[in-house]
Amino acid sequence: MHNPAQTDFPIHDLLALRWSPRAFAERPIEGDKVNSLFEAARWAPSSNNEQPWRFIVAGKDDEAQWNRLLACVEEGNRIWAVRAPMLILSVARLNFEKCDKPNRHALHDVGMATGNLVLQATALGLVARQMAGFDVEKARGDLNIPFGYEPVAMIAVGYPGDPRMLPDTLRQRELASRERRATSTFVYVGEWGKSVPFIS
């Protein structure tokens, strides 16, 4: 299933095709594709080339590890995430390695790496849904995340599935048209709140 963005201005097809469904096929992801996802993340930009991202990953082929990640997912997300063949937890290193001072861009940079990963997934015919709905402290303890590192988001990755497998309320949301705020509501000229005149 595809649900491309209906854009106001032209953007790259890869960006328009990227979306975050909840319906996953229970088909495993080939190893070379998994490697490509993390290679894409590897080449994301970061402040001082710090690369503060870390990823904890588990596929269903390693059921014990996959279940450890799934157990951290909140129940509302677990309903559909249980079908995803791969779960990933993104983690940020909060201090710079060289000087151990706080890296205020760490979460931004982890987001950049995850964005690369998600777009690479789209290019490979996969889909990825990021989740804020997971138990951060459970993840920190159960997955042995050390001090100085912050769990950021859980990500379900796999091949697109059939929305009919979802509960009614989720299926309706899955099939709904995608919407975004108009660019004129968040792009300002020179100062806060001054709308861009050429963006409708």
N, C-alpha and C. Protein backbone atom coordinates (compact mmCIF):
# COMPACT_ATOMS: atom_id res chain seq x y z
N MET A 1 0.83 -1.18 0.00
CA MET A 1 0.00 0.00 0.00
C MET A 1 0.88 1.25 0.00
N HIS A 2 0.47 2.23 -0.79
CA HIS A 2 1.18 3.50 -0.85
C HIS A 2 0.21 4.62 -0.50
N ASN A 3 0.75 5.67 0.09
CA ASN A 3 -0.07 6.82 0.46
C ASN A 3 0.78 8.08 0.27
N PRO A 4 1.07 8.42 -1.01
CA PRO A 4 1.99 9.54 -1.26
C PRO A 4 1.42 10.87 -0.79
N ALA A 5 2.31 11.77 -0.41
CA ALA A 5 1.92 13.11 0.03
C ALA A 5 1.37 13.90 -1.15
N GLN A 6 0.33 14.65 -0.90
CA GLN A 6 -0.22 15.58 -1.89
C GLN A 6 0.41 16.94 -1.62
N THR A 7 1.48 17.25 -2.32
CA THR A 7 2.28 18.42 -2.00
C THR A 7 1.78 19.67 -2.72
N ASP A 8 2.04 20.83 -2.12
CA ASP A 8 1.72 22.11 -2.74
C ASP A 8 2.78 22.54 -3.73
N PHE A 9 4.01 22.08 -3.52
CA PHE A 9 5.13 22.40 -4.39
C PHE A 9 5.89 21.10 -4.67
N PRO A 10 6.61 21.03 -5.80
CA PRO A 10 7.31 19.79 -6.13
C PRO A 10 8.39 19.44 -5.11
N ILE A 11 8.45 18.17 -4.73
CA ILE A 11 9.54 17.65 -3.90
C ILE A 11 9.99 16.32 -4.50
N HIS A 12 11.11 15.82 -4.05
CA HIS A 12 11.62 14.54 -4.57
C HIS A 12 10.62 13.43 -4.27
N ASP A 13 10.48 12.51 -5.23
CA ASP A 13 9.53 11.39 -5.06
C ASP A 13 9.77 10.62 -3.77
N LEU A 14 11.04 10.46 -3.40
CA LEU A 14 11.38 9.69 -2.20
C LEU A 14 10.76 10.33 -0.96
N LEU A 15 10.76 11.66 -0.91
CA LEU A 15 10.18 12.37 0.22
C LEU A 15 8.65 12.26 0.21
N ALA A 16 8.07 12.34 -0.97
CA ALA A 16 6.61 12.26 -1.07
C ALA A 16 6.10 10.86 -0.73
N LEU A 17 6.89 9.84 -1.06
CA LEU A 17 6.47 8.45 -0.82
C LEU A 17 6.70 8.00 0.62
N ARG A 18 7.61 8.68 1.35
CA ARG A 18 7.88 8.29 2.73
C ARG A 18 6.66 8.54 3.60
N TRP A 19 6.24 7.51 4.31
CA TRP A 19 5.18 7.70 5.30
C TRP A 19 5.33 6.66 6.37
N SER A 20 4.51 6.76 7.40
CA SER A 20 4.69 5.96 8.61
C SER A 20 3.46 5.10 8.88
N PRO A 21 3.27 4.03 8.12
CA PRO A 21 2.09 3.18 8.36
C PRO A 21 2.25 2.30 9.59
N ARG A 22 1.13 1.74 10.00
CA ARG A 22 1.13 0.79 11.12
C ARG A 22 0.97 -0.65 10.64
N ALA A 23 0.61 -0.82 9.38
CA ALA A 23 0.38 -2.16 8.84
C ALA A 23 1.69 -2.70 8.25
N PHE A 24 2.17 -3.79 8.82
CA PHE A 24 3.40 -4.42 8.36
C PHE A 24 3.13 -5.84 7.89
N ALA A 25 3.79 -6.23 6.80
CA ALA A 25 3.79 -7.62 6.39
C ALA A 25 4.77 -8.37 7.28
N GLU A 26 4.45 -9.60 7.61
CA GLU A 26 5.35 -10.38 8.48
C GLU A 26 6.41 -11.09 7.65
N ARG A 27 7.01 -10.34 6.76
CA ARG A 27 8.08 -10.82 5.87
C ARG A 27 9.41 -10.31 6.40
N PRO A 28 10.39 -11.17 6.54
CA PRO A 28 11.68 -10.71 7.06
C PRO A 28 12.38 -9.75 6.10
N ILE A 29 13.22 -8.92 6.65
CA ILE A 29 14.00 -7.97 5.85
C ILE A 29 15.35 -8.61 5.53
N GLU A 30 15.72 -8.56 4.27
CA GLU A 30 16.98 -9.15 3.84
C GLU A 30 18.16 -8.43 4.51
N GLY A 31 19.20 -9.21 4.81
CA GLY A 31 20.36 -8.67 5.53
C GLY A 31 21.03 -7.51 4.82
N ASP A 32 21.13 -7.56 3.49
CA ASP A 32 21.79 -6.47 2.78
C ASP A 32 20.99 -5.18 2.90
N LYS A 33 19.67 -5.29 2.99
CA LYS A 33 18.84 -4.10 3.16
C LYS A 33 19.00 -3.52 4.57
N VAL A 34 19.09 -4.40 5.55
CA VAL A 34 19.33 -3.92 6.92
C VAL A 34 20.66 -3.17 6.97
N ASN A 35 21.69 -3.72 6.35
CA ASN A 35 22.99 -3.05 6.32
C ASN A 35 22.90 -1.68 5.65
N SER A 36 22.10 -1.59 4.59
CA SER A 36 21.95 -0.31 3.89
C SER A 36 21.26 0.74 4.75
N LEU A 37 20.31 0.31 5.58
CA LEU A 37 19.63 1.26 6.47
C LEU A 37 20.63 1.95 7.39
N PHE A 38 21.50 1.16 7.99
CA PHE A 38 22.45 1.73 8.95
C PHE A 38 23.62 2.43 8.27
N GLU A 39 23.92 2.04 7.04
CA GLU A 39 24.92 2.77 6.27
C GLU A 39 24.40 4.17 5.95
N ALA A 40 23.11 4.26 5.62
CA ALA A 40 22.50 5.57 5.37
C ALA A 40 22.55 6.43 6.63
N ALA A 41 22.23 5.83 7.76
CA ALA A 41 22.31 6.57 9.03
C ALA A 41 23.74 7.04 9.30
N ARG A 42 24.69 6.20 8.99
CA ARG A 42 26.10 6.51 9.24
C ARG A 42 26.53 7.81 8.58
N TRP A 43 25.97 8.12 7.39
CA TRP A 43 26.42 9.26 6.62
C TRP A 43 25.59 10.51 6.86
N ALA A 44 24.84 10.55 7.93
CA ALA A 44 24.10 11.76 8.29
C ALA A 44 25.05 12.84 8.79
N PRO A 45 24.70 14.10 8.62
CA PRO A 45 25.52 15.18 9.18
C PRO A 45 25.35 15.27 10.68
N SER A 46 26.37 15.78 11.36
CA SER A 46 26.27 15.98 12.81
C SER A 46 27.22 17.08 13.24
N SER A 47 26.91 17.70 14.35
CA SER A 47 27.75 18.77 14.89
C SER A 47 29.15 18.25 15.18
N ASN A 48 30.17 18.91 14.63
CA ASN A 48 31.57 18.51 14.80
C ASN A 48 31.83 17.06 14.38
N ASN A 49 30.98 16.55 13.50
CA ASN A 49 31.08 15.15 13.07
C ASN A 49 31.11 14.19 14.25
N GLU A 50 30.36 14.55 15.30
CA GLU A 50 30.35 13.76 16.54
C GLU A 50 29.67 12.42 16.36
N GLN A 51 28.67 12.36 15.47
CA GLN A 51 27.92 11.12 15.23
C GLN A 51 27.40 10.52 16.55
N PRO A 52 26.55 11.27 17.26
CA PRO A 52 26.13 10.83 18.59
C PRO A 52 25.07 9.75 18.60
N TRP A 53 24.71 9.24 17.44
CA TRP A 53 23.67 8.23 17.36
C TRP A 53 24.19 6.83 17.68
N ARG A 54 23.34 6.08 18.34
CA ARG A 54 23.54 4.65 18.56
C ARG A 54 22.19 4.00 18.27
N PHE A 55 22.20 2.77 17.81
CA PHE A 55 20.96 2.06 17.51
C PHE A 55 21.02 0.66 18.11
N ILE A 56 19.98 0.29 18.82
CA ILE A 56 19.82 -1.08 19.31
C ILE A 56 18.77 -1.72 18.41
N VAL A 57 19.13 -2.80 17.74
CA VAL A 57 18.25 -3.40 16.73
C VAL A 57 18.01 -4.87 17.03
N ALA A 58 16.82 -5.34 16.72
CA ALA A 58 16.51 -6.76 16.84
C ALA A 58 15.49 -7.15 15.79
N GLY A 59 15.75 -8.27 15.15
CA GLY A 59 14.80 -8.83 14.19
C GLY A 59 14.12 -10.04 14.79
N LYS A 60 13.01 -10.42 14.18
CA LYS A 60 12.26 -11.55 14.70
C LYS A 60 13.01 -12.87 14.59
N ASP A 61 14.09 -12.89 13.82
CA ASP A 61 14.89 -14.10 13.74
C ASP A 61 15.63 -14.36 15.05
N ASP A 62 15.75 -13.31 15.88
CA ASP A 62 16.30 -13.46 17.23
C ASP A 62 15.17 -13.08 18.19
N GLU A 63 14.31 -14.04 18.43
CA GLU A 63 13.05 -13.77 19.12
C GLU A 63 13.25 -13.18 20.52
N ALA A 64 14.24 -13.66 21.25
CA ALA A 64 14.46 -13.17 22.61
C ALA A 64 14.82 -11.68 22.61
N GLN A 65 15.73 -11.29 21.72
CA GLN A 65 16.13 -9.88 21.64
C GLN A 65 14.98 -9.01 21.13
N TRP A 66 14.27 -9.49 20.13
CA TRP A 66 13.14 -8.74 19.57
C TRP A 66 12.07 -8.52 20.65
N ASN A 67 11.80 -9.56 21.44
CA ASN A 67 10.81 -9.44 22.51
C ASN A 67 11.23 -8.44 23.58
N ARG A 68 12.54 -8.31 23.82
CA ARG A 68 13.02 -7.32 24.80
C ARG A 68 12.69 -5.91 24.33
N LEU A 69 12.87 -5.65 23.04
CA LEU A 69 12.52 -4.33 22.52
C LEU A 69 11.00 -4.14 22.52
N LEU A 70 10.28 -5.15 22.07
CA LEU A 70 8.81 -5.03 22.02
C LEU A 70 8.23 -4.79 23.40
N ALA A 71 8.81 -5.37 24.44
CA ALA A 71 8.31 -5.20 25.80
C ALA A 71 8.42 -3.76 26.27
N CYS A 72 9.28 -2.97 25.65
CA CYS A 72 9.43 -1.55 26.00
C CYS A 72 8.38 -0.68 25.31
N VAL A 73 7.73 -1.21 24.29
CA VAL A 73 6.75 -0.44 23.52
C VAL A 73 5.44 -0.37 24.30
N GLU A 74 4.84 0.82 24.35
CA GLU A 74 3.57 0.98 25.05
C GLU A 74 2.47 0.18 24.36
N GLU A 75 1.49 -0.23 25.14
CA GLU A 75 0.44 -1.14 24.66
C GLU A 75 -0.26 -0.63 23.41
N GLY A 76 -0.54 0.67 23.35
CA GLY A 76 -1.24 1.22 22.18
C GLY A 76 -0.47 1.03 20.89
N ASN A 77 0.84 1.03 20.97
CA ASN A 77 1.68 0.78 19.79
C ASN A 77 1.98 -0.70 19.60
N ARG A 78 1.99 -1.44 20.69
CA ARG A 78 2.32 -2.87 20.60
C ARG A 78 1.29 -3.63 19.76
N ILE A 79 0.04 -3.13 19.74
CA ILE A 79 -1.04 -3.77 18.97
C ILE A 79 -0.63 -3.99 17.52
N TRP A 80 0.04 -2.99 16.95
CA TRP A 80 0.45 -3.12 15.55
C TRP A 80 1.95 -3.43 15.40
N ALA A 81 2.77 -2.96 16.34
CA ALA A 81 4.22 -3.16 16.22
C ALA A 81 4.61 -4.63 16.31
N VAL A 82 3.72 -5.45 16.88
CA VAL A 82 4.00 -6.88 17.03
C VAL A 82 4.20 -7.56 15.68
N ARG A 83 3.71 -6.96 14.62
CA ARG A 83 3.87 -7.55 13.28
C ARG A 83 5.17 -7.12 12.58
N ALA A 84 5.79 -6.08 13.06
CA ALA A 84 7.00 -5.57 12.40
C ALA A 84 8.14 -6.58 12.55
N PRO A 85 8.83 -6.89 11.47
CA PRO A 85 9.92 -7.88 11.56
C PRO A 85 11.19 -7.34 12.21
N MET A 86 11.28 -6.00 12.34
CA MET A 86 12.47 -5.43 12.95
C MET A 86 12.09 -4.24 13.80
N LEU A 87 12.66 -4.16 14.99
CA LEU A 87 12.50 -3.02 15.89
C LEU A 87 13.87 -2.41 16.15
N ILE A 88 13.88 -1.09 16.22
CA ILE A 88 15.12 -0.35 16.46
C ILE A 88 14.85 0.68 17.54
N LEU A 89 15.78 0.84 18.46
CA LEU A 89 15.73 1.95 19.40
C LEU A 89 16.88 2.88 19.09
N SER A 90 16.56 4.15 18.80
CA SER A 90 17.62 5.15 18.62
C SER A 90 18.00 5.71 19.97
N VAL A 91 19.29 5.98 20.12
CA VAL A 91 19.85 6.45 21.40
C VAL A 91 20.84 7.57 21.09
N ALA A 92 20.86 8.60 21.94
CA ALA A 92 21.77 9.72 21.76
C ALA A 92 22.84 9.75 22.84
N ARG A 93 24.08 9.95 22.43
CA ARG A 93 25.15 10.24 23.39
C ARG A 93 25.07 11.72 23.71
N LEU A 94 24.88 12.08 24.96
CA LEU A 94 24.53 13.45 25.34
C LEU A 94 25.72 14.40 25.46
N ASN A 95 26.92 13.86 25.63
CA ASN A 95 28.11 14.71 25.74
C ASN A 95 29.06 14.43 24.58
N PHE A 96 29.83 15.45 24.22
CA PHE A 96 30.85 15.26 23.19
C PHE A 96 31.91 14.30 23.71
N GLU A 97 32.40 13.43 22.84
CA GLU A 97 33.41 12.44 23.24
C GLU A 97 34.74 13.11 23.58
N LYS A 98 35.13 14.13 22.82
CA LYS A 98 36.47 14.71 22.98
C LYS A 98 36.62 15.52 24.26
N CYS A 99 35.57 16.25 24.65
CA CYS A 99 35.71 17.14 25.81
C CYS A 99 34.71 16.85 26.92
N ASP A 100 33.78 15.94 26.67
CA ASP A 100 32.76 15.53 27.64
C ASP A 100 31.83 16.68 28.05
N LYS A 101 31.75 17.72 27.23
CA LYS A 101 30.80 18.80 27.48
C LYS A 101 29.47 18.45 26.83
N PRO A 102 28.36 19.01 27.36
CA PRO A 102 27.04 18.69 26.78
C PRO A 102 26.97 19.03 25.30
N ASN A 103 26.40 18.13 24.54
CA ASN A 103 26.17 18.33 23.11
C ASN A 103 24.70 18.69 22.92
N ARG A 104 24.40 19.96 22.83
CA ARG A 104 23.01 20.39 22.74
C ARG A 104 22.37 20.02 21.41
N HIS A 105 23.16 19.54 20.47
CA HIS A 105 22.64 19.14 19.16
C HIS A 105 22.46 17.63 19.04
N ALA A 106 22.72 16.89 20.09
CA ALA A 106 22.73 15.43 20.01
C ALA A 106 21.39 14.88 19.52
N LEU A 107 20.28 15.34 20.10
CA LEU A 107 18.98 14.81 19.69
C LEU A 107 18.66 15.19 18.25
N HIS A 108 19.03 16.41 17.86
CA HIS A 108 18.86 16.83 16.47
C HIS A 108 19.61 15.89 15.54
N ASP A 109 20.86 15.59 15.89
CA ASP A 109 21.70 14.77 15.02
C ASP A 109 21.22 13.33 14.95
N VAL A 110 20.71 12.81 16.06
CA VAL A 110 20.11 11.47 16.02
C VAL A 110 18.89 11.48 15.10
N GLY A 111 18.14 12.58 15.14
CA GLY A 111 17.01 12.72 14.22
C GLY A 111 17.46 12.76 12.77
N MET A 112 18.59 13.41 12.49
CA MET A 112 19.12 13.44 11.13
C MET A 112 19.49 12.03 10.66
N ALA A 113 20.15 11.27 11.53
CA ALA A 113 20.54 9.91 11.18
C ALA A 113 19.32 9.04 10.97
N THR A 114 18.32 9.21 11.83
CA THR A 114 17.09 8.44 11.68
C THR A 114 16.36 8.84 10.40
N GLY A 115 16.39 10.12 10.07
CA GLY A 115 15.79 10.56 8.81
C GLY A 115 16.44 9.89 7.62
N ASN A 116 17.77 9.78 7.63
CA ASN A 116 18.46 9.06 6.56
C ASN A 116 18.02 7.61 6.50
N LEU A 117 17.94 6.99 7.67
CA LEU A 117 17.53 5.58 7.75
C LEU A 117 16.13 5.38 7.17
N VAL A 118 15.22 6.28 7.53
CA VAL A 118 13.82 6.17 7.10
C VAL A 118 13.71 6.38 5.59
N LEU A 119 14.46 7.34 5.06
CA LEU A 119 14.41 7.57 3.61
C LEU A 119 15.04 6.40 2.85
N GLN A 120 16.11 5.83 3.40
CA GLN A 120 16.70 4.65 2.78
C GLN A 120 15.72 3.49 2.79
N ALA A 121 14.97 3.35 3.88
CA ALA A 121 13.93 2.32 3.93
C ALA A 121 12.93 2.51 2.80
N THR A 122 12.50 3.75 2.59
CA THR A 122 11.56 4.04 1.51
C THR A 122 12.14 3.66 0.16
N ALA A 123 13.41 4.00 -0.06
CA ALA A 123 14.07 3.68 -1.33
C ALA A 123 14.15 2.18 -1.57
N LEU A 124 14.17 1.39 -0.49
CA LEU A 124 14.28 -0.07 -0.59
C LEU A 124 12.92 -0.77 -0.61
N GLY A 125 11.84 0.01 -0.64
CA GLY A 125 10.51 -0.59 -0.63
C GLY A 125 10.02 -0.98 0.75
N LEU A 126 10.71 -0.49 1.77
CA LEU A 126 10.32 -0.74 3.16
C LEU A 126 9.56 0.46 3.72
N VAL A 127 8.96 0.28 4.87
CA VAL A 127 8.34 1.38 5.60
C VAL A 127 8.87 1.37 7.03
N ALA A 128 8.87 2.55 7.64
CA ALA A 128 9.36 2.68 9.01
C ALA A 128 8.44 3.64 9.77
N ARG A 129 8.07 3.25 10.97
CA ARG A 129 7.26 4.13 11.81
C ARG A 129 8.00 4.36 13.12
N GLN A 130 8.22 5.63 13.43
CA GLN A 130 8.89 6.00 14.66
C GLN A 130 7.86 6.19 15.77
N MET A 131 8.25 5.83 16.98
CA MET A 131 7.33 5.87 18.12
C MET A 131 7.95 6.62 19.28
N ALA A 132 7.20 7.58 19.80
CA ALA A 132 7.54 8.18 21.08
C ALA A 132 6.96 7.33 22.21
N GLY A 133 5.96 6.52 21.88
CA GLY A 133 5.25 5.71 22.88
C GLY A 133 6.00 4.45 23.26
N PHE A 134 7.02 4.63 24.10
CA PHE A 134 7.73 3.48 24.67
C PHE A 134 8.19 3.88 26.06
N ASP A 135 8.48 2.90 26.88
CA ASP A 135 8.89 3.13 28.27
C ASP A 135 10.40 3.39 28.31
N VAL A 136 10.75 4.65 28.46
CA VAL A 136 12.16 5.05 28.40
C VAL A 136 12.97 4.38 29.50
N GLU A 137 12.44 4.37 30.73
CA GLU A 137 13.21 3.80 31.84
C GLU A 137 13.34 2.29 31.72
N LYS A 138 12.30 1.64 31.23
CA LYS A 138 12.39 0.19 31.00
C LYS A 138 13.45 -0.11 29.94
N ALA A 139 13.43 0.69 28.88
CA ALA A 139 14.44 0.51 27.82
C ALA A 139 15.84 0.73 28.38
N ARG A 140 15.99 1.78 29.19
CA ARG A 140 17.30 2.09 29.76
C ARG A 140 17.83 0.91 30.59
N GLY A 141 16.95 0.31 31.39
CA GLY A 141 17.36 -0.79 32.25
C GLY A 141 17.47 -2.12 31.52
N ASP A 142 16.41 -2.49 30.80
CA ASP A 142 16.37 -3.81 30.16
C ASP A 142 17.38 -3.96 29.03
N LEU A 143 17.72 -2.84 28.38
CA LEU A 143 18.64 -2.90 27.24
C LEU A 143 20.05 -2.44 27.60
N ASN A 144 20.28 -2.24 28.91
CA ASN A 144 21.62 -1.94 29.43
C ASN A 144 22.24 -0.68 28.83
N ILE A 145 21.44 0.37 28.70
CA ILE A 145 21.93 1.63 28.14
C ILE A 145 22.71 2.37 29.23
N PRO A 146 23.95 2.72 28.97
CA PRO A 146 24.79 3.31 30.03
C PRO A 146 24.45 4.76 30.33
N PHE A 147 24.93 5.25 31.45
CA PHE A 147 24.78 6.65 31.84
C PHE A 147 25.38 7.54 30.77
N GLY A 148 24.72 8.66 30.49
CA GLY A 148 25.21 9.59 29.49
C GLY A 148 24.60 9.38 28.12
N TYR A 149 23.75 8.38 28.01
CA TYR A 149 23.06 8.09 26.76
C TYR A 149 21.56 8.16 27.00
N GLU A 150 20.81 8.69 26.03
CA GLU A 150 19.37 8.90 26.19
C GLU A 150 18.59 8.16 25.11
N PRO A 151 17.68 7.25 25.49
CA PRO A 151 16.80 6.62 24.51
C PRO A 151 15.94 7.71 23.84
N VAL A 152 15.84 7.67 22.52
CA VAL A 152 15.15 8.73 21.78
C VAL A 152 13.82 8.25 21.20
N ALA A 153 13.86 7.24 20.35
CA ALA A 153 12.62 6.78 19.70
C ALA A 153 12.73 5.30 19.36
N MET A 154 11.60 4.63 19.41
CA MET A 154 11.51 3.26 18.92
C MET A 154 11.05 3.33 17.46
N ILE A 155 11.59 2.46 16.64
CA ILE A 155 11.27 2.47 15.21
C ILE A 155 10.91 1.05 14.78
N ALA A 156 9.75 0.91 14.17
CA ALA A 156 9.35 -0.37 13.58
C ALA A 156 9.63 -0.30 12.08
N VAL A 157 10.26 -1.34 11.53
CA VAL A 157 10.64 -1.35 10.12
C VAL A 157 10.20 -2.67 9.50
N GLY A 158 9.73 -2.59 8.27
CA GLY A 158 9.35 -3.80 7.55
C GLY A 158 8.77 -3.48 6.20
N TYR A 159 8.21 -4.49 5.57
CA TYR A 159 7.51 -4.30 4.31
C TYR A 159 6.08 -3.87 4.59
N PRO A 160 5.49 -3.07 3.70
CA PRO A 160 4.10 -2.63 3.93
C PRO A 160 3.16 -3.83 3.99
N GLY A 161 2.19 -3.72 4.89
CA GLY A 161 1.21 -4.79 5.08
C GLY A 161 -0.19 -4.37 4.69
N ASP A 162 -1.13 -5.21 5.00
CA ASP A 162 -2.53 -5.00 4.67
C ASP A 162 -3.22 -4.27 5.82
N PRO A 163 -3.76 -3.06 5.58
CA PRO A 163 -4.43 -2.32 6.65
C PRO A 163 -5.62 -3.05 7.25
N ARG A 164 -6.16 -4.03 6.52
CA ARG A 164 -7.31 -4.78 7.05
C ARG A 164 -6.94 -5.61 8.27
N MET A 165 -5.64 -5.79 8.51
CA MET A 165 -5.18 -6.52 9.68
C MET A 165 -5.26 -5.69 10.96
N LEU A 166 -5.47 -4.38 10.81
CA LEU A 166 -5.47 -3.47 11.96
C LEU A 166 -6.86 -3.38 12.58
N PRO A 167 -6.94 -3.02 13.86
CA PRO A 167 -8.24 -2.71 14.47
C PRO A 167 -8.91 -1.55 13.73
N ASP A 168 -10.23 -1.48 13.81
CA ASP A 168 -11.00 -0.50 13.03
C ASP A 168 -10.47 0.92 13.14
N THR A 169 -10.26 1.40 14.36
CA THR A 169 -9.85 2.80 14.54
C THR A 169 -8.50 3.07 13.88
N LEU A 170 -7.57 2.13 14.00
CA LEU A 170 -6.26 2.31 13.39
C LEU A 170 -6.34 2.17 11.88
N ARG A 171 -7.19 1.28 11.39
CA ARG A 171 -7.34 1.10 9.95
C ARG A 171 -7.85 2.39 9.30
N GLN A 172 -8.81 3.04 9.95
CA GLN A 172 -9.35 4.30 9.42
C GLN A 172 -8.26 5.36 9.33
N ARG A 173 -7.43 5.43 10.36
CA ARG A 173 -6.33 6.40 10.34
C ARG A 173 -5.31 6.05 9.25
N GLU A 174 -5.10 4.77 9.05
CA GLU A 174 -4.14 4.31 8.04
C GLU A 174 -4.58 4.71 6.62
N LEU A 175 -5.88 4.64 6.38
CA LEU A 175 -6.42 4.89 5.05
C LEU A 175 -6.75 6.36 4.79
N ALA A 176 -6.70 7.18 5.84
CA ALA A 176 -7.03 8.60 5.69
C ALA A 176 -5.96 9.32 4.87
N SER A 177 -6.36 10.40 4.22
CA SER A 177 -5.38 11.19 3.47
C SER A 177 -4.42 11.87 4.44
N ARG A 178 -3.19 12.01 4.01
CA ARG A 178 -2.16 12.61 4.85
C ARG A 178 -2.26 14.13 4.79
N GLU A 179 -2.05 14.77 5.93
CA GLU A 179 -2.15 16.23 5.99
C GLU A 179 -0.95 16.82 6.71
N ARG A 180 -0.60 18.03 6.32
CA ARG A 180 0.47 18.78 6.98
C ARG A 180 0.06 20.25 7.04
N ARG A 181 0.62 20.98 7.98
CA ARG A 181 0.44 22.43 8.02
C ARG A 181 1.00 23.04 6.75
N ALA A 182 0.40 24.13 6.31
CA ALA A 182 0.93 24.87 5.16
C ALA A 182 2.28 25.48 5.55
N THR A 183 3.20 25.56 4.58
CA THR A 183 4.52 26.12 4.85
C THR A 183 4.42 27.56 5.35
N SER A 184 3.39 28.28 4.94
CA SER A 184 3.23 29.68 5.36
C SER A 184 3.02 29.81 6.87
N THR A 185 2.67 28.70 7.53
CA THR A 185 2.43 28.77 8.98
C THR A 185 3.70 28.56 9.80
N PHE A 186 4.80 28.16 9.16
CA PHE A 186 6.02 27.91 9.94
C PHE A 186 7.30 28.45 9.33
N VAL A 187 7.20 29.15 8.19
CA VAL A 187 8.37 29.77 7.59
C VAL A 187 8.23 31.28 7.71
N TYR A 188 9.22 31.90 8.36
CA TYR A 188 9.19 33.35 8.61
C TYR A 188 10.36 34.02 7.91
N VAL A 189 10.19 35.30 7.57
CA VAL A 189 11.25 36.08 6.91
C VAL A 189 11.94 36.97 7.93
N GLY A 190 13.21 36.71 8.19
CA GLY A 190 14.04 37.62 8.96
C GLY A 190 13.78 37.66 10.45
N GLU A 191 12.55 37.46 10.87
CA GLU A 191 12.22 37.50 12.30
C GLU A 191 10.99 36.64 12.55
N TRP A 192 10.81 36.33 13.83
CA TRP A 192 9.71 35.45 14.24
C TRP A 192 8.36 36.06 13.87
N GLY A 193 7.51 35.22 13.23
CA GLY A 193 6.14 35.61 12.97
C GLY A 193 5.91 36.39 11.69
N LYS A 194 6.97 36.80 10.98
CA LYS A 194 6.81 37.55 9.73
C LYS A 194 6.70 36.56 8.58
N SER A 195 5.50 36.40 8.07
CA SER A 195 5.23 35.38 7.05
C SER A 195 5.98 35.66 5.76
N VAL A 196 6.30 34.57 5.09
CA VAL A 196 6.96 34.66 3.78
C VAL A 196 5.91 35.05 2.74
N PRO A 197 6.09 36.15 2.02
CA PRO A 197 5.04 36.61 1.12
C PRO A 197 4.81 35.71 -0.10
N PHE A 198 5.85 34.98 -0.53
CA PHE A 198 5.69 34.18 -1.74
C PHE A 198 5.20 32.77 -1.48
N ILE A 199 4.95 32.42 -0.23
CA ILE A 199 4.40 31.11 0.09
C ILE A 199 2.93 31.26 0.44
N SER A 200 2.10 30.57 -0.30
CA SER A 200 0.65 30.70 -0.07
C SER A 200 0.20 29.73 1.00
